[in-house]
């Protein structure tokens, strides 16, 4: 669970750091509803860039930021609706836009959900303790960014095979960067490095996104309501919300589905993964290229019992589609197929995992033979801002993306997306996936048998975590009062 035990001695140190650095911490309620943010902070943000290393940008950790790089305010949730000309299905597919968070990815919110409770309880001393952020990509970027804004030193851990842009950006934000062997699928190597750091005697606190329930809670309390807000704004009287589809990295974002099911009880939750590393689908393993999702294990924070489908995605589809969406020949071909210029202009808002989420939604729509009154929602975790080097690499490897390439990618990977590797999960199939947690978390990472059983059998296990927003917000308000800016 999320430990809210108070350490008053360390709390005073955290308060002093916050006072010296003029840090005010937003509540979960303010991140969910920015209208609750004080007008004085909104006025100050008018002169602050979206990615600036400025503590006031903590109040931009939400889905409502004005889509601008400098001085933006707040508005509705940023989203894109994908047309039939792009998806090959009549179903309405909605994509929340993660680009308009600081760092350009919503993982900055998940990292906040892990660090903030430790700060306001005095469990973490920013004056002497380093925050360690193990990740397959955006989470360690978000953690390093949050650490900087909250006055903490940070260590970012991520696989050496991640995109060049991630490392270049981290060099200006993180105190230290540790590269581990492999790429997206090599999560155990990250865990091994964390265990090595624990044994080093350094003053560290490791925020492992795969088992930190602050990650789950932030998406349940902030992303879920943002999705519900979009649905309420776009659905007509005959429309039916059918479900949410998300690729599982840390499985934090999929907590939004737990919220949506409480609002829309008939909705389904679909979890996507690469068929090159089919852990949920086939107890499998392997390497893949869908950056930002990590496999070969089931994250501790994944509420598997509430997951209805497992969907396999070909990583070649994601790589071909980012070329289709971003290369001149691809853009021209999409226009010829009737995709509007407004939609084409927004397609770079989908990074590689965002394309994976889109494909999961298309597969779900085709599997259930959905029509024009059926609505699915998903997330564009980040944009192509962090993947320009991948396009360069693909062009160097395969040659310029031609008109023929564009036509082939469009027909094969968009119009031709089928229902292969879509598994509707029975009770025992869900339990099989849940039981895979045992090998990573109980055998290797020190979790208990009783807790893995409670995750499956105790109906209050997950709702108890969901109920922690109010007590954490109370502690944040008390912390801000002590800082007394």
Protein backbone atom coordinates (compact mmCIF):
# COMPACT_ATOMS: atom_id res chain seq x y z
CA UNK A 1 0.00 0.00 0.00
CA UNK A 2 1.01 3.68 0.17
CA UNK A 3 2.67 4.25 3.52
CA UNK A 4 1.57 7.54 5.15
CA UNK A 5 3.54 7.10 8.37
CA UNK A 6 4.85 10.50 9.50
CA UNK A 7 8.52 11.25 10.20
CA UNK A 8 8.41 14.69 11.83
CA UNK A 9 12.18 15.20 12.02
CA UNK A 10 12.71 14.63 8.31
CA UNK A 11 9.54 16.55 7.49
CA UNK A 12 11.09 19.73 8.86
CA UNK A 13 14.03 19.32 6.48
CA UNK A 14 11.66 18.82 3.53
CA UNK A 15 9.68 21.92 4.54
CA UNK A 16 12.89 23.97 4.74
CA UNK A 17 13.94 22.88 1.25
CA UNK A 18 10.50 23.72 -0.13
CA UNK A 19 10.53 27.14 1.54
CA UNK A 20 14.02 27.96 0.27
CA UNK A 21 13.13 26.94 -3.28
CA UNK A 22 9.60 28.46 -3.26
CA UNK A 23 7.94 25.07 -3.84
CA UNK A 24 4.21 24.60 -3.51
CA UNK A 25 2.81 21.13 -4.12
CA UNK A 26 -0.49 20.57 -5.97
CA UNK A 27 -3.11 18.21 -4.61
CA UNK A 28 -4.59 15.31 -6.53
CA UNK A 29 -7.87 17.25 -6.64
CA UNK A 30 -6.16 20.20 -8.30
CA UNK A 31 -4.52 17.93 -10.87
CA UNK A 32 -7.91 16.40 -11.57
CA UNK A 33 -9.67 19.79 -11.70
CA UNK A 34 -7.36 22.77 -12.38
CA UNK A 35 -10.18 25.21 -11.62
CA UNK A 36 -9.22 24.57 -7.97
CA UNK A 37 -5.69 25.95 -8.53
CA UNK A 38 -5.28 29.43 -6.95
CA UNK A 39 -5.48 32.35 -9.36
CA UNK A 40 -2.11 33.62 -8.15
CA UNK A 41 -0.40 30.47 -9.45
CA UNK A 42 -2.25 30.68 -12.76
CA UNK A 43 -1.02 34.25 -13.18
CA UNK A 44 2.57 33.23 -12.44
CA UNK A 45 2.38 30.41 -15.01
CA UNK A 46 1.69 32.95 -17.75
CA UNK A 47 5.44 33.55 -17.95
CA UNK A 48 6.59 29.94 -17.61
CA UNK A 49 7.34 27.50 -20.45
CA UNK A 50 5.72 24.06 -20.37
CA UNK A 51 9.05 22.22 -20.01
CA UNK A 52 10.82 24.81 -17.83
CA UNK A 53 12.55 23.57 -14.69
CA UNK A 54 10.34 25.77 -12.54
CA UNK A 55 8.52 24.54 -9.41
CA UNK A 56 5.37 26.28 -10.59
CA UNK A 57 5.15 23.69 -13.38
CA UNK A 58 4.10 21.16 -10.75
CA UNK A 59 0.68 22.72 -11.29
CA UNK A 60 0.83 21.71 -14.95
CA UNK A 61 0.82 18.01 -14.05
CA UNK A 62 -2.69 17.45 -15.44
CA UNK A 63 -4.57 16.67 -18.65
CA UNK A 64 -6.07 20.17 -18.98
CA UNK A 65 -3.08 22.25 -20.06
CA UNK A 66 -3.55 24.65 -22.93
CA UNK A 67 -1.75 23.04 -25.92
CA UNK A 68 1.07 25.55 -26.17
CA UNK A 69 4.75 25.49 -25.30
CA UNK A 70 4.82 28.80 -23.43
CA UNK A 71 2.65 30.48 -20.82
CA UNK A 72 -0.47 28.40 -21.33
CA UNK A 73 -3.46 28.27 -19.02
CA UNK A 74 -6.03 25.52 -18.60
CA UNK A 75 -8.95 24.30 -20.69
CA UNK A 76 -10.65 21.05 -21.60
CA UNK A 77 -8.84 17.73 -21.77
CA UNK A 78 -6.68 17.52 -24.90
CA UNK A 79 -7.75 14.63 -27.12
CA UNK A 80 -7.90 13.47 -30.74
CA UNK A 81 -10.72 11.51 -32.37
CA UNK A 82 -9.47 9.13 -35.05
CA UNK A 83 -11.62 8.91 -38.23
CA UNK A 84 -12.68 5.76 -40.08
CA UNK A 85 -10.31 6.67 -42.92
CA UNK A 86 -7.47 6.02 -40.44
CA UNK A 87 -8.83 3.12 -38.40
CA UNK A 88 -10.92 1.10 -40.85
CA UNK A 89 -13.72 0.83 -38.29
CA UNK A 90 -16.92 2.77 -37.65
CA UNK A 91 -16.24 2.84 -33.91
CA UNK A 92 -15.31 6.17 -32.37
CA UNK A 93 -11.72 5.96 -31.05
CA UNK A 94 -10.60 8.80 -28.76
CA UNK A 95 -6.96 9.42 -27.82
CA UNK A 96 -5.87 11.60 -24.90
CA UNK A 97 -2.80 13.69 -25.80
CA UNK A 98 0.12 13.24 -23.40
CA UNK A 99 2.34 15.75 -25.21
CA UNK A 100 0.90 18.68 -23.29
CA UNK A 101 2.37 17.63 -19.96
CA UNK A 102 5.75 18.98 -18.84
CA UNK A 103 8.37 16.66 -20.44
CA UNK A 104 5.82 15.88 -23.17
CA UNK A 105 4.59 12.68 -21.51
CA UNK A 106 1.99 11.90 -18.85
CA UNK A 107 4.44 9.74 -16.85
CA UNK A 108 5.46 12.93 -15.07
CA UNK A 109 2.16 12.52 -13.20
CA UNK A 110 2.81 8.89 -12.27
CA UNK A 111 6.23 9.85 -10.86
CA UNK A 112 4.65 12.68 -8.87
CA UNK A 113 2.18 10.20 -7.37
CA UNK A 114 5.13 8.18 -6.05
CA UNK A 115 7.36 10.99 -4.75
CA UNK A 116 4.90 13.51 -3.29
CA UNK A 117 3.46 11.25 -0.53
CA UNK A 118 7.02 10.46 0.65
CA UNK A 119 7.86 14.17 0.81
CA UNK A 120 4.79 15.36 2.68
CA UNK A 121 5.04 12.57 5.26
CA UNK A 122 8.74 13.26 5.92
CA UNK A 123 9.77 9.82 4.69
CA UNK A 124 12.00 11.41 2.02
CA UNK A 125 14.57 14.07 2.84
CA UNK A 126 15.33 16.12 -0.28
CA UNK A 127 18.34 17.70 1.43
CA UNK A 128 20.32 14.46 1.56
CA UNK A 129 18.48 11.54 -0.13
CA UNK A 130 18.61 10.82 -3.86
CA UNK A 131 15.49 9.69 -5.71
CA UNK A 132 16.13 6.72 -8.01
CA UNK A 133 13.86 6.30 -11.03
CA UNK A 134 14.05 2.90 -12.77
CA UNK A 135 12.18 2.87 -16.06
CA UNK A 136 11.96 1.79 -19.67
CA UNK A 137 11.64 5.41 -20.76
CA UNK A 138 9.27 8.21 -19.88
CA UNK A 139 8.81 7.43 -16.19
CA UNK A 140 12.46 8.11 -15.35
CA UNK A 141 12.23 11.33 -17.37
CA UNK A 142 9.18 12.33 -15.37
CA UNK A 143 10.85 11.31 -12.11
CA UNK A 144 14.00 13.31 -12.85
CA UNK A 145 11.87 16.31 -13.79
CA UNK A 146 9.70 16.09 -10.68
CA UNK A 147 12.78 15.65 -8.52
CA UNK A 148 14.31 18.80 -9.96
CA UNK A 149 11.13 20.80 -9.32
CA UNK A 150 10.78 19.41 -5.78
CA UNK A 151 14.39 20.15 -4.82
CA UNK A 152 15.71 16.57 -4.94
CA UNK A 153 18.76 14.93 -6.49
CA UNK A 154 17.89 12.11 -8.89
CA UNK A 155 19.30 9.02 -10.56
CA UNK A 156 17.63 7.86 -13.79
CA UNK A 157 17.92 4.20 -14.77
CA UNK A 158 16.86 3.05 -18.23
CA UNK A 159 17.93 0.54 -20.89
CA UNK A 160 20.81 1.54 -23.15
CA UNK A 161 18.70 0.79 -26.23
CA UNK A 162 16.21 3.62 -25.67
CA UNK A 163 16.04 6.55 -28.09
CA UNK A 164 18.91 9.02 -28.29
CA UNK A 165 16.58 11.95 -27.49
CA UNK A 166 15.73 10.52 -24.07
CA UNK A 167 19.36 10.40 -23.01
CA UNK A 168 20.13 13.86 -24.39
CA UNK A 169 17.23 15.37 -22.47
CA UNK A 170 18.06 13.53 -19.25
CA UNK A 171 21.61 14.88 -19.30
CA UNK A 172 20.24 18.35 -18.58
CA UNK A 173 17.85 17.29 -15.82
CA UNK A 174 18.94 14.13 -13.96
CA UNK A 175 21.85 14.17 -11.53
CA UNK A 176 23.06 10.79 -12.79
CA UNK A 177 22.06 8.44 -15.62
CA UNK A 178 22.61 4.69 -15.46
CA UNK A 179 22.23 2.66 -18.66
CA UNK A 180 21.29 -1.01 -18.24
CA UNK A 181 21.72 -3.75 -20.87
CA UNK A 182 19.06 -4.28 -23.53
CA UNK A 183 15.93 -2.37 -24.47
CA UNK A 184 12.21 -2.28 -23.65
CA UNK A 185 11.92 -5.92 -22.63
CA UNK A 186 14.91 -5.95 -20.30
CA UNK A 187 13.18 -5.04 -17.07
CA UNK A 188 14.94 -7.56 -14.81
CA UNK A 189 18.26 -5.89 -15.61
CA UNK A 190 16.77 -2.65 -14.26
CA UNK A 191 15.65 -4.43 -11.09
CA UNK A 192 19.12 -5.94 -10.68
CA UNK A 193 20.67 -2.48 -10.87
CA UNK A 194 18.23 -1.25 -8.22
CA UNK A 195 19.24 -4.10 -5.92
CA UNK A 196 22.89 -3.25 -6.51
CA UNK A 197 22.24 0.38 -5.53
CA UNK A 198 20.37 -0.70 -2.39
CA UNK A 199 23.41 -2.67 -1.29
CA UNK A 200 25.80 0.22 -2.02
CA UNK A 201 25.20 2.05 1.26
CA UNK A 202 24.22 5.29 -0.48
CA UNK A 203 21.36 7.39 0.89
CA UNK A 204 18.78 6.51 -1.77
CA UNK A 205 15.05 5.92 -2.17
CA UNK A 206 14.04 3.81 -5.16
CA UNK A 207 10.72 4.60 -6.80
CA UNK A 208 10.07 1.49 -8.87
CA UNK A 209 7.12 2.30 -11.11
CA UNK A 210 6.27 -1.39 -11.46
CA UNK A 211 5.42 -1.80 -7.76
CA UNK A 212 4.75 1.77 -6.55
CA UNK A 213 1.04 2.25 -5.90
CA UNK A 214 1.41 6.01 -6.24
CA UNK A 215 1.69 5.25 -9.97
CA UNK A 216 -1.61 3.33 -9.87
CA UNK A 217 -3.32 5.96 -7.70
CA UNK A 218 -2.37 8.92 -9.87
CA UNK A 219 -3.85 7.33 -12.97
CA UNK A 220 -6.94 6.14 -11.12
CA UNK A 221 -7.56 9.57 -9.60
CA UNK A 222 -6.42 11.85 -12.46
CA UNK A 223 -6.30 10.02 -15.80
CA UNK A 224 -9.54 8.09 -15.23
CA UNK A 225 -11.58 11.24 -14.51
CA UNK A 226 -9.97 13.02 -17.48
CA UNK A 227 -11.14 10.18 -19.73
CA UNK A 228 -14.63 10.34 -18.22
CA UNK A 229 -14.70 14.09 -18.85
CA UNK A 230 -13.92 13.57 -22.55
CA UNK A 231 -16.56 10.84 -22.84
CA UNK A 232 -19.20 13.05 -21.24
CA UNK A 233 -18.37 15.86 -23.67
CA UNK A 234 -18.48 13.83 -26.90
CA UNK A 235 -20.97 11.01 -26.43
CA UNK A 236 -24.46 11.41 -27.84
CA UNK A 237 -27.62 9.91 -26.33
CA UNK A 238 -27.24 6.67 -28.30
CA UNK A 239 -23.48 6.29 -27.90
CA UNK A 240 -22.14 3.52 -25.67
CA UNK A 241 -18.73 3.54 -24.00
CA UNK A 242 -17.27 0.13 -24.71
CA UNK A 243 -13.87 0.28 -23.05
CA UNK A 244 -10.31 1.50 -22.66
CA UNK A 245 -7.27 -0.03 -24.39
CA UNK A 246 -3.73 0.52 -23.13
CA UNK A 247 -0.37 -1.11 -23.68
CA UNK A 248 1.18 -2.20 -20.40
CA UNK A 249 4.54 -0.79 -19.45
CA UNK A 250 4.35 -0.37 -15.70
CA UNK A 251 0.55 -0.96 -16.02
CA UNK A 252 -0.01 2.29 -14.13
CA UNK A 253 -2.14 3.95 -16.82
CA UNK A 254 -4.44 0.93 -16.96
CA UNK A 255 -5.61 1.93 -13.46
CA UNK A 256 -7.71 4.53 -15.29
CA UNK A 257 -9.82 1.58 -16.43
CA UNK A 258 -10.61 0.71 -12.81
CA UNK A 259 -12.07 4.20 -12.46
CA UNK A 260 -13.98 4.04 -15.74
CA UNK A 261 -15.54 0.69 -14.87
CA UNK A 262 -16.95 2.24 -11.73
CA UNK A 263 -18.57 4.98 -13.85
CA UNK A 264 -19.47 2.71 -16.80
CA UNK A 265 -19.94 -0.80 -15.34
CA UNK A 266 -20.35 -2.54 -18.71
CA UNK A 267 -17.06 -1.19 -20.08
CA UNK A 268 -14.06 -3.43 -20.71
CA UNK A 269 -10.34 -3.02 -20.07
CA UNK A 270 -7.91 -4.26 -22.73
CA UNK A 271 -4.18 -4.65 -22.08
CA UNK A 272 -1.84 -4.61 -25.06
CA UNK A 273 1.68 -5.99 -25.48
CA UNK A 274 4.08 -6.80 -28.30
CA UNK A 275 3.62 -10.23 -29.90
CA UNK A 276 7.42 -10.37 -29.99
CA UNK A 277 7.30 -10.57 -26.18
CA UNK A 278 3.89 -12.15 -25.40
CA UNK A 279 3.98 -12.47 -21.61
CA UNK A 280 0.26 -12.05 -20.94
CA UNK A 281 -0.81 -13.86 -24.08
CA UNK A 282 1.41 -16.93 -24.05
CA UNK A 283 3.66 -16.76 -20.95
CA UNK A 284 6.26 -15.74 -23.50
CA UNK A 285 9.38 -13.59 -23.73
CA UNK A 286 11.49 -11.83 -26.34
CA UNK A 287 12.65 -8.44 -27.66
CA UNK A 288 10.52 -5.74 -29.26
CA UNK A 289 10.61 -2.13 -30.45
CA UNK A 290 7.51 -0.53 -28.90
CA UNK A 291 9.44 1.91 -26.73
CA UNK A 292 8.04 2.64 -23.30
CA UNK A 293 6.39 -0.69 -22.58
CA UNK A 294 8.37 -3.25 -20.59
CA UNK A 295 7.68 -6.95 -20.65
CA UNK A 296 8.78 -10.42 -19.47
CA UNK A 297 6.90 -9.82 -16.23
CA UNK A 298 3.53 -8.69 -14.89
CA UNK A 299 3.75 -5.41 -12.95
CA UNK A 300 2.81 -5.60 -9.27
CA UNK A 301 0.44 -2.62 -9.69
CA UNK A 302 -1.61 -4.27 -12.46
CA UNK A 303 -5.09 -5.19 -11.24
CA UNK A 304 -5.24 -8.21 -13.53
CA UNK A 305 -8.54 -9.50 -12.15
CA UNK A 306 -10.21 -6.41 -13.63
CA UNK A 307 -8.67 -6.87 -17.11
CA UNK A 308 -10.95 -8.28 -19.83
CA UNK A 309 -8.76 -8.67 -22.91
CA UNK A 310 -5.10 -9.21 -23.78
CA UNK A 311 -4.15 -7.90 -27.22
CA UNK A 312 -0.95 -8.67 -29.11
CA UNK A 313 0.64 -6.03 -31.36
CA UNK A 314 3.29 -6.52 -34.03
CA UNK A 315 6.11 -4.08 -33.37
CA UNK A 316 6.70 -3.82 -37.12
CA UNK A 317 3.23 -2.30 -37.39
CA UNK A 318 4.14 0.47 -34.94
CA UNK A 319 7.43 1.25 -36.71
CA UNK A 320 5.81 1.35 -40.14
CA UNK A 321 2.98 3.55 -38.91
CA UNK A 322 5.26 6.17 -37.34
CA UNK A 323 6.83 6.47 -40.78
CA UNK A 324 3.40 6.69 -42.40
CA UNK A 325 2.34 9.43 -39.98
CA UNK A 326 5.54 11.48 -40.14
CA UNK A 327 7.25 11.07 -43.53
CA UNK A 328 6.15 13.27 -46.48
CA UNK A 329 5.06 10.33 -48.65
CA UNK A 330 3.01 8.92 -45.79
CA UNK A 331 1.29 12.23 -45.06
CA UNK A 332 0.46 12.66 -48.76
CA UNK A 333 -1.00 9.15 -48.95
CA UNK A 334 -3.20 9.71 -45.89
CA UNK A 335 -4.57 12.87 -47.49
CA UNK A 336 -5.36 10.91 -50.65
CA UNK A 337 -7.34 8.42 -48.52
CA UNK A 338 -9.54 11.21 -47.20
CA UNK A 339 -7.90 11.83 -43.81
CA UNK A 340 -8.48 15.51 -43.02
CA UNK A 341 -5.60 17.95 -42.72
CA UNK A 342 -6.61 18.70 -39.11
CA UNK A 343 -6.14 15.04 -38.16
CA UNK A 344 -2.94 14.62 -40.18
CA UNK A 345 -1.46 17.65 -38.44
CA UNK A 346 -2.06 15.98 -35.06
CA UNK A 347 -0.71 12.51 -35.88
CA UNK A 348 2.83 13.36 -34.64
CA UNK A 349 1.19 13.61 -31.21
CA UNK A 350 1.34 9.80 -31.20
CA UNK A 351 4.71 8.34 -30.23
CA UNK A 352 5.52 4.67 -30.70
CA UNK A 353 3.54 3.40 -27.71
CA UNK A 354 0.70 5.77 -28.62
CA UNK A 355 0.51 4.08 -32.02
CA UNK A 356 0.45 0.77 -30.14
CA UNK A 357 -2.49 2.01 -28.10
CA UNK A 358 -4.28 3.09 -31.27
CA UNK A 359 -3.78 -0.35 -32.82
CA UNK A 360 -5.09 -2.01 -29.64
CA UNK A 361 -8.23 0.10 -29.92
CA UNK A 362 -8.69 -0.82 -33.59
CA UNK A 363 -8.31 -4.51 -32.77
CA UNK A 364 -10.82 -4.24 -29.92
CA UNK A 365 -13.32 -2.48 -32.18
CA UNK A 366 -12.98 -5.10 -34.91
CA UNK A 367 -13.07 -8.01 -32.46
CA UNK A 368 -16.43 -6.89 -31.07
CA UNK A 369 -17.67 -5.70 -34.50
CA UNK A 370 -18.36 -2.24 -33.15
CA UNK A 371 -20.40 0.36 -34.97
CA UNK A 372 -20.65 4.13 -35.11
CA UNK A 373 -22.33 4.40 -31.69
CA UNK A 374 -19.55 2.49 -29.91
CA UNK A 375 -16.81 4.51 -28.21
CA UNK A 376 -13.30 3.43 -27.16
CA UNK A 377 -10.72 5.59 -25.38
CA UNK A 378 -6.95 5.31 -25.12
CA UNK A 379 -3.85 7.47 -24.56
CA UNK A 380 -1.09 8.98 -26.66
CA UNK A 381 1.52 8.60 -23.91
CA UNK A 382 3.99 10.90 -25.64
CA UNK A 383 4.64 12.36 -29.08
CA UNK A 384 7.24 11.87 -31.81
CA UNK A 385 9.35 14.54 -30.10
CA UNK A 386 11.43 11.78 -28.49
CA UNK A 387 11.68 9.55 -31.57
CA UNK A 388 13.07 11.61 -34.42
CA UNK A 389 16.23 9.50 -34.29
CA UNK A 390 14.14 6.36 -34.86
CA UNK A 391 12.88 7.79 -38.15
CA UNK A 392 16.46 8.59 -39.13
CA UNK A 393 17.54 5.04 -38.28
CA UNK A 394 14.69 3.51 -40.28
CA UNK A 395 15.51 5.66 -43.30
CA UNK A 396 19.17 4.69 -43.06
CA UNK A 397 18.26 1.00 -42.76
CA UNK A 398 15.46 0.80 -45.32
CA UNK A 399 15.85 3.79 -47.57
CA UNK A 400 13.54 6.74 -48.06
CA UNK A 401 9.88 6.08 -47.25
CA UNK A 402 8.31 5.98 -50.71
CA UNK A 403 4.79 6.31 -52.07
CA UNK A 404 4.70 2.51 -52.41
CA UNK A 405 5.84 2.09 -48.79
CA UNK A 406 3.10 4.45 -47.70
CA UNK A 407 0.39 2.56 -49.60
CA UNK A 408 1.63 -0.76 -48.25
CA UNK A 409 1.81 0.41 -44.62
CA UNK A 410 -1.64 1.99 -44.82
CA UNK A 411 -3.32 -1.10 -46.26
CA UNK A 412 -1.46 -3.69 -44.22
CA UNK A 413 -1.19 -2.08 -40.79
CA UNK A 414 -4.23 0.21 -40.62
CA UNK A 415 -6.94 -1.09 -42.95
CA UNK A 416 -5.57 -4.63 -42.62
CA UNK A 417 -5.37 -4.73 -38.82
CA UNK A 418 -7.26 -7.85 -37.75
CA UNK A 419 -8.24 -9.72 -34.62
CA UNK A 420 -5.20 -11.98 -34.46
CA UNK A 421 -3.72 -12.27 -30.97
CA UNK A 422 -6.86 -10.88 -29.30
CA UNK A 423 -7.72 -12.97 -26.24
CA UNK A 424 -10.94 -12.40 -24.33
CA UNK A 425 -9.90 -13.43 -20.83
CA UNK A 426 -11.88 -15.91 -18.77
CA UNK A 427 -11.62 -16.01 -14.99
CA UNK A 428 -8.86 -18.61 -15.08
CA UNK A 429 -6.97 -16.90 -17.91
CA UNK A 430 -6.88 -13.74 -15.81
CA UNK A 431 -5.74 -15.78 -12.84
CA UNK A 432 -2.99 -17.36 -14.95
CA UNK A 433 -1.66 -13.90 -15.83
CA UNK A 434 -1.93 -12.73 -12.22
CA UNK A 435 -0.03 -15.80 -11.02
CA UNK A 436 2.92 -14.82 -13.22
CA UNK A 437 3.56 -12.05 -10.69
CA UNK A 438 4.80 -14.70 -8.27
CA UNK A 439 8.05 -15.41 -10.13
CA UNK A 440 9.12 -11.75 -10.33
CA UNK A 441 7.72 -10.28 -7.16
CA UNK A 442 7.62 -13.02 -4.52
CA UNK A 443 10.63 -15.09 -5.60
CA UNK A 444 12.89 -12.22 -6.74
CA UNK A 445 11.71 -8.91 -5.27
CA UNK A 446 10.64 -9.75 -1.73
CA UNK A 447 6.85 -9.42 -1.91
CA UNK A 448 4.85 -11.79 0.29
CA UNK A 449 2.65 -14.72 -0.63
CA UNK A 450 -0.15 -13.25 1.48
CA UNK A 451 -0.17 -10.02 -0.50
CA UNK A 452 -0.20 -11.64 -3.93
CA UNK A 453 -3.18 -13.67 -2.68
CA UNK A 454 -4.87 -10.54 -1.34
CA UNK A 455 -4.51 -8.82 -4.72
CA UNK A 456 -6.65 -11.58 -6.21
CA UNK A 457 -9.05 -12.59 -3.45
CA UNK A 458 -9.56 -9.50 -1.25
CA UNK A 459 -12.18 -7.19 -2.82
CA UNK A 460 -10.96 -4.27 -0.69
CA UNK A 461 -7.30 -4.53 -1.71
CA UNK A 462 -7.64 -2.19 -4.71
CA UNK A 463 -10.44 0.01 -3.36
CA UNK A 464 -8.34 0.72 -0.26
CA UNK A 465 -5.62 2.13 -2.50
CA UNK A 466 -8.18 4.14 -4.46
CA UNK A 467 -9.44 5.73 -1.23
CA UNK A 468 -6.06 7.28 -0.38
CA UNK A 469 -6.50 10.47 -2.42
CA UNK A 470 -8.21 12.38 0.40
CA UNK A 471 -5.64 11.59 3.13
CA UNK A 472 -2.74 12.39 0.80
CA UNK A 473 -4.34 15.68 -0.22
CA UNK A 474 -4.81 16.55 3.45
CA UNK A 475 -1.09 15.95 4.04
CA UNK A 476 -0.17 18.05 0.98
CA UNK A 477 -2.28 20.94 2.28
CA UNK A 478 -0.64 20.66 5.71
CA UNK A 479 2.83 20.60 4.09
CA UNK A 480 2.07 23.70 2.03
CA UNK A 481 0.78 25.44 5.16
CA UNK A 482 4.09 24.71 6.93
CA UNK A 483 6.04 26.06 3.98
CA UNK A 484 3.85 29.18 4.18
CA UNK A 485 4.93 30.94 1.00
